[in-house]
Protein backbone atom coordinates (compact mmCIF):
# COMPACT_ATOMS: atom_id res chain seq x y z
CA MET A 1 10.24 -12.68 -5.21
CA ARG A 2 9.46 -10.85 -1.98
CA ILE A 3 8.72 -7.14 -1.68
CA PRO A 4 10.84 -5.57 1.09
CA ILE A 5 8.99 -4.07 4.04
CA LEU A 6 11.03 -1.56 6.03
CA LYS A 7 10.24 -0.34 9.53
CA LEU A 8 10.73 3.34 10.40
CA HIS A 9 9.69 4.25 13.96
CA ASN A 10 6.09 3.05 14.17
CA TYR A 11 5.54 2.96 10.40
CA LEU A 12 6.13 0.38 7.69
CA LEU A 13 7.45 1.55 4.32
CA ILE A 14 7.02 -0.39 1.12
CA SER A 15 8.37 0.70 -2.24
CA ILE A 16 7.30 -1.66 -4.99
CA GLN A 17 10.11 -1.54 -7.54
CA THR A 18 9.00 -4.18 -10.03
CA GLU A 19 5.88 -5.34 -11.80
CA ILE A 20 3.96 -7.69 -9.54
CA ASP A 21 2.78 -11.16 -10.49
CA ASP A 22 -0.03 -12.98 -8.68
CA GLN A 23 2.26 -15.05 -6.46
CA THR A 24 4.29 -11.99 -5.41
CA ALA A 25 1.05 -10.12 -4.61
CA ILE A 26 -0.23 -12.89 -2.34
CA GLN A 27 3.17 -13.20 -0.64
CA PHE A 28 3.24 -9.42 -0.13
CA GLN A 29 -0.23 -9.49 1.44
CA GLU A 30 0.79 -12.24 3.86
CA ASP A 31 4.14 -10.60 4.67
CA LEU A 32 2.61 -7.18 5.31
CA LEU A 33 -0.16 -8.47 7.58
CA ALA A 34 2.36 -10.57 9.55
CA LYS A 35 4.67 -7.56 9.89
CA ILE A 36 1.80 -5.35 11.09
CA HIS A 37 0.89 -7.99 13.66
CA LYS A 38 4.51 -8.45 14.78
CA THR A 39 5.45 -4.76 15.01
CA GLY A 40 2.13 -3.17 15.97
CA ALA A 41 2.77 -0.52 13.31
CA SER A 42 0.26 2.32 13.33
CA GLY A 43 0.77 3.23 9.69
CA VAL A 44 1.94 1.95 6.31
CA VAL A 45 3.09 3.82 3.24
CA ILE A 46 2.93 1.83 0.00
CA ASP A 47 4.82 3.54 -2.80
CA LEU A 48 3.64 2.53 -6.28
CA THR A 49 5.83 4.95 -8.28
CA SER A 50 7.55 2.17 -10.24
CA VAL A 51 4.32 0.28 -11.01
CA ASP A 52 3.15 1.24 -14.51
CA ILE A 53 0.29 -1.23 -14.95
CA ILE A 54 -1.72 -3.64 -12.83
CA ASP A 55 -4.20 -6.34 -13.68
CA SER A 56 -7.51 -7.06 -12.00
CA PHE A 57 -6.08 -9.60 -9.54
CA ILE A 58 -3.28 -7.28 -8.38
CA ALA A 59 -5.77 -4.42 -8.07
CA LYS A 60 -8.04 -6.59 -5.90
CA VAL A 61 -5.13 -7.66 -3.71
CA LEU A 62 -4.09 -4.02 -3.26
CA GLY A 63 -7.62 -3.08 -2.21
CA ASP A 64 -7.74 -6.08 0.13
CA VAL A 65 -4.39 -5.14 1.71
CA VAL A 66 -5.72 -1.68 2.51
CA SER A 67 -8.94 -3.11 4.01
CA MET A 68 -7.15 -5.81 6.00
CA SER A 69 -4.61 -3.33 7.36
CA ASP A 70 -7.46 -1.07 8.44
CA LEU A 71 -9.12 -3.98 10.26
CA MET A 72 -5.84 -4.46 12.13
CA GLY A 73 -5.85 -0.80 13.21
CA THR A 74 -3.19 0.33 10.77
CA ARG A 75 -3.65 3.33 8.46
CA VAL A 76 -2.42 2.99 4.86
CA VAL A 77 -1.28 5.80 2.57
CA LEU A 78 -0.71 5.05 -1.12
CA THR A 79 1.88 7.11 -2.98
CA GLY A 80 3.07 7.51 -6.54
CA ILE A 81 -0.02 6.13 -8.27
CA GLN A 82 0.56 6.30 -12.04
CA PRO A 83 -2.32 7.43 -14.31
CA ALA A 84 -2.76 3.96 -15.88
CA VAL A 85 -2.94 2.36 -12.43
CA ALA A 86 -5.53 4.89 -11.26
CA MET A 87 -7.64 4.25 -14.36
CA THR A 88 -7.41 0.48 -13.91
CA LEU A 89 -8.49 0.69 -10.26
CA ILE A 90 -11.54 2.79 -11.15
CA ASP A 91 -12.41 0.68 -14.23
CA LEU A 92 -12.38 -2.42 -12.02
CA GLY A 93 -14.64 -0.80 -9.46
CA ILE A 94 -11.97 -0.65 -6.77
CA HIS A 95 -12.65 2.69 -5.13
CA LEU A 96 -10.22 3.62 -2.42
CA GLN A 97 -12.04 6.84 -1.47
CA ASN A 98 -11.12 6.64 2.22
CA VAL A 99 -7.46 5.91 1.49
CA PRO A 100 -5.17 8.92 1.67
CA THR A 101 -2.77 9.35 -1.22
CA ALA A 102 0.32 11.43 -1.91
CA LEU A 103 2.62 12.09 -4.84
CA ASP A 104 5.74 10.49 -3.40
CA LEU A 105 7.13 8.61 -0.41
CA GLU A 106 8.22 11.75 1.45
CA GLN A 107 4.79 13.38 1.12
CA GLY A 108 3.23 10.03 2.03
CA LEU A 109 5.06 10.01 5.36
CA VAL A 110 3.86 13.55 6.06
CA LYS A 111 0.28 12.57 5.13
CA LEU A 112 0.45 9.46 7.36
CA HIS A 113 1.71 11.55 10.27
CA GLN A 114 -1.23 13.96 9.74
CA GLU A 115 -3.74 11.10 9.44
CA LEU A 116 -2.58 9.66 12.75
CA GLY A 117 -2.90 12.99 14.51
CA GLY A 118 0.82 13.67 14.80
């Protein structure tokens, strides 16, 4: 299963609507990096509102996606992080302290615009 990646102006929007398995996570990572390269997007909003739990592999992939996007010159904002997901990320030692967050997709777009100096 592929996670849809939508383009809005110079941003990419991702709303993860299902629980993610390892194969889907790897495919998402590859798809997102290819889309960043193809579009030259300056920012990405990843909405995790529908994700209730994540395991260590998915958490690592999420952290890697943020780091890889940053290396490609693209700012990532995470939105809708559920309490259990936040606890899992911290428990696993995945600290995303330089990653802006927001409560929902709409606020995430505002935050991304601010982060990029808009």
